[in-house]
């Protein structure tokens, strides 16, 4: 049987899980064009519960029994049925719209998004960044457009609108969180207001905290010296694009002097926290990428 003849297609496989598309099989049913999504999902669930579960068990028993490994028989379980989704070619990085999970059906207008390994679920990412990424991801995987360029055009409109919200947001909502360790190992001098003297391969967040100490000490600004712990960080406006300087501060304790001495570059942070993550997904899908300017580079060879 050729790939074109297969009614069920493997979408993505991991160590202990498989994601299969039933679209080819469902489309063979007479009257499928008049079926609701709920009816299609019910068919998939019944196929698994009333046939595949028992068939898989029998198959595994036949495989293991001659090898005297009865205790190693594996059972296959249907965990979710998705309306749509995106799976990157990287282990455990995906987002999917759930139509059914563990026996529960979801209404079509209120289907949750399950994501793993992507920035929209990482607690270290800024809350507003996660909110915007979730909106963009929802639009991508729920889009009815078969033309990827049209889908990205609509996502671009959303991204440009949210950029205005980003530019006006409180700084605590747009700065990621990071841990700073081994400060003394990497920083040789943190008293020059022009910037720290750091050893080779010093992590960016260590240099970012050293920048805080340099400005505070160099200009005799208020605040206590900081040498580690959980910090928020951002790119400093006007720094070299090829060697971006960062500034770290304690969550909830953004220095009043920081906007003057270490102003945030909100555009750089929007690129890093919103556009870069969603563009990695778009690139994996072979779709045009979003940009700060709103200009979308068309794929001339697609």
Protein backbone atom coordinates (compact mmCIF):
# COMPACT_ATOMS: atom_id res chain seq x y z
CA UNK A 1 0.00 0.00 0.00
CA UNK A 2 1.39 3.41 -0.91
CA UNK A 3 1.33 6.41 1.39
CA UNK A 4 -1.41 7.96 -0.73
CA UNK A 5 -3.65 4.92 -0.05
CA UNK A 6 -3.34 5.02 3.73
CA UNK A 7 -6.48 6.07 5.56
CA UNK A 8 -4.71 6.76 8.86
CA UNK A 9 -1.49 8.80 8.74
CA UNK A 10 1.26 9.13 11.33
CA UNK A 11 1.65 12.82 12.17
CA UNK A 12 4.21 12.67 14.97
CA UNK A 13 5.87 10.00 17.08
CA UNK A 14 7.60 10.16 20.44
CA UNK A 15 9.12 7.61 22.82
CA UNK A 16 5.80 6.48 24.25
CA UNK A 17 3.16 8.18 22.12
CA UNK A 18 1.89 8.52 18.57
CA UNK A 19 -0.28 11.17 16.95
CA UNK A 20 -2.35 9.88 14.06
CA UNK A 21 -4.56 11.67 11.54
CA UNK A 22 -7.93 10.01 10.91
CA UNK A 23 -8.91 12.50 8.21
CA UNK A 24 -8.45 10.02 5.35
CA UNK A 25 -10.61 7.41 7.08
CA UNK A 26 -13.34 9.85 8.13
CA UNK A 27 -13.56 11.20 4.57
CA UNK A 28 -14.53 7.74 3.29
CA UNK A 29 -17.79 7.85 5.25
CA UNK A 30 -20.87 8.59 3.16
CA UNK A 31 -22.38 11.93 4.15
CA UNK A 32 -19.24 13.13 5.93
CA UNK A 33 -19.75 16.63 4.51
CA UNK A 34 -22.89 16.96 6.68
CA UNK A 35 -21.30 15.63 9.89
CA UNK A 36 -20.47 17.87 12.82
CA UNK A 37 -17.03 17.85 14.41
CA UNK A 38 -18.54 16.18 17.51
CA UNK A 39 -19.89 13.33 15.36
CA UNK A 40 -16.49 12.82 13.73
CA UNK A 41 -14.76 12.76 17.12
CA UNK A 42 -17.30 10.24 18.44
CA UNK A 43 -16.45 7.91 15.54
CA UNK A 44 -12.73 8.14 16.29
CA UNK A 45 -13.33 7.41 19.98
CA UNK A 46 -15.53 4.40 19.15
CA UNK A 47 -12.97 3.00 16.72
CA UNK A 48 -10.38 3.04 19.49
CA UNK A 49 -12.55 1.85 22.35
CA UNK A 50 -14.54 -0.80 20.49
CA UNK A 51 -11.85 -2.16 18.16
CA UNK A 52 -8.28 -0.89 18.44
CA UNK A 53 -7.87 -1.35 22.18
CA UNK A 54 -8.63 -5.09 21.97
CA UNK A 55 -6.80 -5.51 18.66
CA UNK A 56 -3.63 -3.90 20.04
CA UNK A 57 -3.77 -6.11 23.13
CA UNK A 58 -4.09 -9.27 21.04
CA UNK A 59 -1.29 -8.14 18.73
CA UNK A 60 1.08 -7.47 21.62
CA UNK A 61 0.27 -10.79 23.27
CA UNK A 62 1.02 -12.63 20.02
CA UNK A 63 4.30 -10.76 19.72
CA UNK A 64 5.54 -11.26 23.30
CA UNK A 65 4.26 -14.77 24.07
CA UNK A 66 6.77 -16.66 21.84
CA UNK A 67 9.52 -14.56 23.44
CA UNK A 68 8.48 -15.57 26.98
CA UNK A 69 7.87 -11.94 27.94
CA UNK A 70 4.22 -11.94 28.90
CA UNK A 71 4.77 -9.37 31.65
CA UNK A 72 6.08 -6.84 29.11
CA UNK A 73 2.84 -6.59 27.14
CA UNK A 74 2.13 -2.93 26.43
CA UNK A 75 -1.31 -1.38 26.28
CA UNK A 76 -2.21 1.48 23.96
CA UNK A 77 -4.56 4.15 25.26
CA UNK A 78 -6.40 6.95 23.48
CA UNK A 79 -5.68 10.08 25.53
CA UNK A 80 -6.77 12.94 23.28
CA UNK A 81 -8.51 13.72 20.00
CA UNK A 82 -7.46 17.03 18.50
CA UNK A 83 -9.29 19.27 16.08
CA UNK A 84 -5.95 20.58 14.79
CA UNK A 85 -2.41 21.16 15.94
CA UNK A 86 1.21 21.98 15.23
CA UNK A 87 4.03 19.54 15.97
CA UNK A 88 7.59 20.79 15.59
CA UNK A 89 10.36 18.48 14.45
CA UNK A 90 11.77 18.60 17.97
CA UNK A 91 10.93 16.18 20.76
CA UNK A 92 7.94 17.19 22.92
CA UNK A 93 7.24 20.56 21.33
CA UNK A 94 3.71 20.95 20.10
CA UNK A 95 0.39 22.78 20.45
CA UNK A 96 -3.01 21.25 19.79
CA UNK A 97 -6.69 22.15 20.05
CA UNK A 98 -8.43 19.47 22.11
CA UNK A 99 -11.82 18.14 20.99
CA UNK A 100 -11.79 15.19 23.44
CA UNK A 101 -9.61 14.21 26.40
CA UNK A 102 -9.91 11.28 28.79
CA UNK A 103 -13.60 10.77 28.12
CA UNK A 104 -14.60 14.45 28.03
CA UNK A 105 -15.91 16.15 24.88
CA UNK A 106 -15.30 19.90 24.49
CA UNK A 107 -17.69 22.35 22.84
CA UNK A 108 -16.39 23.53 19.49
CA UNK A 109 -16.41 27.19 20.59
CA UNK A 110 -14.57 26.43 23.85
CA UNK A 111 -11.84 23.95 23.01
CA UNK A 112 -8.70 24.25 25.18
CA UNK A 113 -5.20 24.44 23.74
CA UNK A 114 -2.69 21.92 25.05
CA UNK A 115 0.92 22.94 24.54
CA UNK A 116 4.23 21.43 25.53
CA UNK A 117 7.77 22.72 25.23
CA UNK A 118 6.64 26.04 23.71
CA UNK A 119 7.01 29.49 25.21
CA UNK A 120 3.27 29.92 25.78
CA UNK A 121 3.51 27.48 28.70
CA UNK A 122 6.89 28.49 30.13
CA UNK A 123 6.48 30.24 33.48
CA UNK A 124 9.77 32.10 32.95
CA UNK A 125 8.25 33.96 29.98
CA UNK A 126 6.54 37.32 30.63
CA UNK A 127 2.81 37.03 31.23
CA UNK A 128 1.85 39.42 28.44
CA UNK A 129 4.16 37.59 26.05
CA UNK A 130 2.46 34.27 26.85
CA UNK A 131 -0.96 35.87 26.37
CA UNK A 132 -0.05 37.22 22.91
CA UNK A 133 1.66 33.99 21.87
CA UNK A 134 -1.41 31.99 22.88
CA UNK A 135 -3.62 34.26 20.78
CA UNK A 136 -1.32 33.93 17.75
CA UNK A 137 -1.00 30.16 18.19
CA UNK A 138 -4.76 29.78 18.51
CA UNK A 139 -5.23 31.68 15.28
CA UNK A 140 -2.63 29.54 13.50
CA UNK A 141 -4.00 26.14 14.49
CA UNK A 142 -7.66 27.17 14.24
CA UNK A 143 -7.35 28.96 10.89
CA UNK A 144 -9.73 27.83 8.17
CA UNK A 145 -7.39 29.17 5.48
CA UNK A 146 -5.72 26.58 3.29
CA UNK A 147 -3.48 29.38 2.03
CA UNK A 148 -0.72 29.87 4.63
CA UNK A 149 -0.01 33.41 3.44
CA UNK A 150 -3.57 34.51 4.26
CA UNK A 151 -3.33 32.99 7.73
CA UNK A 152 -0.03 34.76 8.39
CA UNK A 153 -1.48 38.03 7.08
CA UNK A 154 -4.19 37.86 9.75
CA UNK A 155 -1.62 36.89 12.40
CA UNK A 156 0.46 39.89 11.35
CA UNK A 157 -2.48 42.23 11.98
CA UNK A 158 -2.88 40.74 15.46
CA UNK A 159 0.87 41.02 16.15
CA UNK A 160 0.93 44.70 15.13
CA UNK A 161 -2.09 45.49 17.32
CA UNK A 162 -0.58 43.69 20.32
CA UNK A 163 2.72 45.52 19.82
CA UNK A 164 0.94 48.73 20.78
CA UNK A 165 -0.36 47.03 23.92
CA UNK A 166 3.19 45.78 24.63
CA UNK A 167 4.65 49.28 24.30
CA UNK A 168 2.22 50.66 26.88
CA UNK A 169 2.36 47.74 29.35
CA UNK A 170 3.90 47.76 32.81
CA UNK A 171 7.50 46.59 32.68
CA UNK A 172 6.80 43.66 35.02
CA UNK A 173 4.47 42.18 32.37
CA UNK A 174 7.01 42.13 29.53
CA UNK A 175 10.24 40.99 31.20
CA UNK A 176 11.19 37.31 31.39
CA UNK A 177 12.43 35.73 34.61
CA UNK A 178 15.83 34.09 35.01
CA UNK A 179 18.12 32.75 37.74
CA UNK A 180 21.48 34.41 38.31
CA UNK A 181 24.24 32.20 39.74
CA UNK A 182 28.04 32.25 40.10
CA UNK A 183 28.25 36.06 40.04
CA UNK A 184 31.70 36.22 41.66
CA UNK A 185 33.04 33.56 39.29
CA UNK A 186 32.36 35.67 36.19
CA UNK A 187 32.43 39.34 37.24
CA UNK A 188 35.82 41.00 37.79
CA UNK A 189 34.63 44.60 38.23
CA UNK A 190 31.13 46.03 38.72
CA UNK A 191 31.87 49.63 39.67
CA UNK A 192 32.23 51.29 36.24
CA UNK A 193 28.95 52.93 35.17
CA UNK A 194 29.84 52.19 31.53
CA UNK A 195 29.48 48.49 32.20
CA UNK A 196 31.02 45.52 34.00
CA UNK A 197 34.27 43.73 33.32
CA UNK A 198 33.31 40.10 32.89
CA UNK A 199 35.24 36.95 32.25
CA UNK A 200 34.89 35.07 28.99
CA UNK A 201 31.68 33.09 28.56
CA UNK A 202 29.91 34.95 31.36
CA UNK A 203 26.14 34.29 31.02
CA UNK A 204 24.09 37.25 29.79
CA UNK A 205 22.00 37.32 32.97
CA UNK A 206 25.11 37.54 35.16
CA UNK A 207 26.35 40.49 33.11
CA UNK A 208 22.84 41.98 33.30
CA UNK A 209 22.91 41.93 37.08
CA UNK A 210 26.44 43.31 37.05
CA UNK A 211 25.11 46.18 34.91
CA UNK A 212 22.61 46.94 37.68
CA UNK A 213 25.45 47.05 40.23
CA UNK A 214 27.65 49.15 37.92
CA UNK A 215 24.99 51.81 37.45
CA UNK A 216 23.97 51.83 41.10
CA UNK A 217 27.53 52.15 42.38
CA UNK A 218 28.97 54.25 39.55
CA UNK A 219 26.28 56.95 39.81
CA UNK A 220 25.66 56.55 43.55
CA UNK A 221 22.05 55.52 43.01
CA UNK A 222 19.75 54.09 45.69
CA UNK A 223 19.38 50.36 46.21
CA UNK A 224 21.22 47.38 47.62
CA UNK A 225 23.92 45.43 45.77
CA UNK A 226 22.59 42.22 44.20
CA UNK A 227 24.65 39.14 43.45
CA UNK A 228 22.19 36.42 42.54
CA UNK A 229 18.71 34.94 42.76
CA UNK A 230 15.56 35.18 40.67
CA UNK A 231 15.62 38.26 38.44
CA UNK A 232 13.69 39.86 35.62
CA UNK A 233 15.70 41.12 32.66
CA UNK A 234 15.43 43.21 29.52
CA UNK A 235 17.54 44.55 26.66
CA UNK A 236 18.89 48.07 27.16
CA UNK A 237 17.87 50.55 24.49
CA UNK A 238 20.73 51.80 22.32
CA UNK A 239 23.02 48.83 22.91
CA UNK A 240 24.88 47.20 20.04
CA UNK A 241 22.43 44.91 18.13
CA UNK A 242 25.22 42.34 17.71
CA UNK A 243 26.11 42.48 21.42
CA UNK A 244 22.93 43.41 23.25
CA UNK A 245 23.39 44.60 26.84
CA UNK A 246 20.89 43.43 29.42
CA UNK A 247 19.69 44.85 32.71
CA UNK A 248 18.47 42.67 35.60
CA UNK A 249 16.30 43.66 38.55
CA UNK A 250 14.34 41.93 41.29
CA UNK A 251 10.70 41.25 40.48
CA UNK A 252 8.50 43.88 42.08
CA UNK A 253 11.49 46.13 42.77
CA UNK A 254 12.16 47.90 39.48
CA UNK A 255 14.47 50.83 40.33
CA UNK A 256 12.96 54.28 39.77
CA UNK A 257 16.27 55.37 38.21
CA UNK A 258 16.39 52.53 35.66
CA UNK A 259 14.32 54.23 32.89
CA UNK A 260 16.89 57.04 32.81
CA UNK A 261 20.10 55.05 33.15
CA UNK A 262 19.06 51.74 31.54
CA UNK A 263 15.95 52.33 29.38
CA UNK A 264 14.26 49.21 28.07
CA UNK A 265 14.20 48.45 24.35
CA UNK A 266 10.61 47.29 24.03
CA UNK A 267 10.98 46.46 20.33
CA UNK A 268 13.90 44.13 20.95
CA UNK A 269 11.98 42.45 23.78
CA UNK A 270 8.87 42.06 21.58
CA UNK A 271 11.02 40.44 18.91
CA UNK A 272 12.61 38.07 21.43
CA UNK A 273 9.54 37.25 23.51
CA UNK A 274 6.78 37.18 20.88
CA UNK A 275 7.93 37.23 17.27
CA UNK A 276 10.91 34.87 17.53
CA UNK A 277 8.94 32.08 19.29
CA UNK A 278 5.99 32.23 16.89
CA UNK A 279 8.32 32.53 13.89
CA UNK A 280 10.03 29.27 14.88
CA UNK A 281 6.64 27.60 14.54
CA UNK A 282 5.84 29.36 11.25
CA UNK A 283 9.24 28.44 9.83
CA UNK A 284 8.69 24.78 10.74
CA UNK A 285 5.36 24.97 8.87
CA UNK A 286 7.04 26.51 5.81
CA UNK A 287 5.08 29.74 6.23
CA UNK A 288 6.17 33.41 5.93
CA UNK A 289 7.58 35.03 9.06
CA UNK A 290 6.33 38.01 11.07
CA UNK A 291 8.44 41.13 11.59
CA UNK A 292 8.43 44.24 13.76
CA UNK A 293 7.75 46.44 10.74
CA UNK A 294 4.72 44.42 9.70
CA UNK A 295 6.37 43.52 6.41
CA UNK A 296 5.93 39.84 5.50
CA UNK A 297 8.50 38.23 3.23
CA UNK A 298 6.64 36.08 0.70
CA UNK A 299 7.93 32.63 -0.17
CA UNK A 300 8.77 32.95 -3.85
CA UNK A 301 9.35 29.24 -4.20
CA UNK A 302 6.38 27.92 -2.21
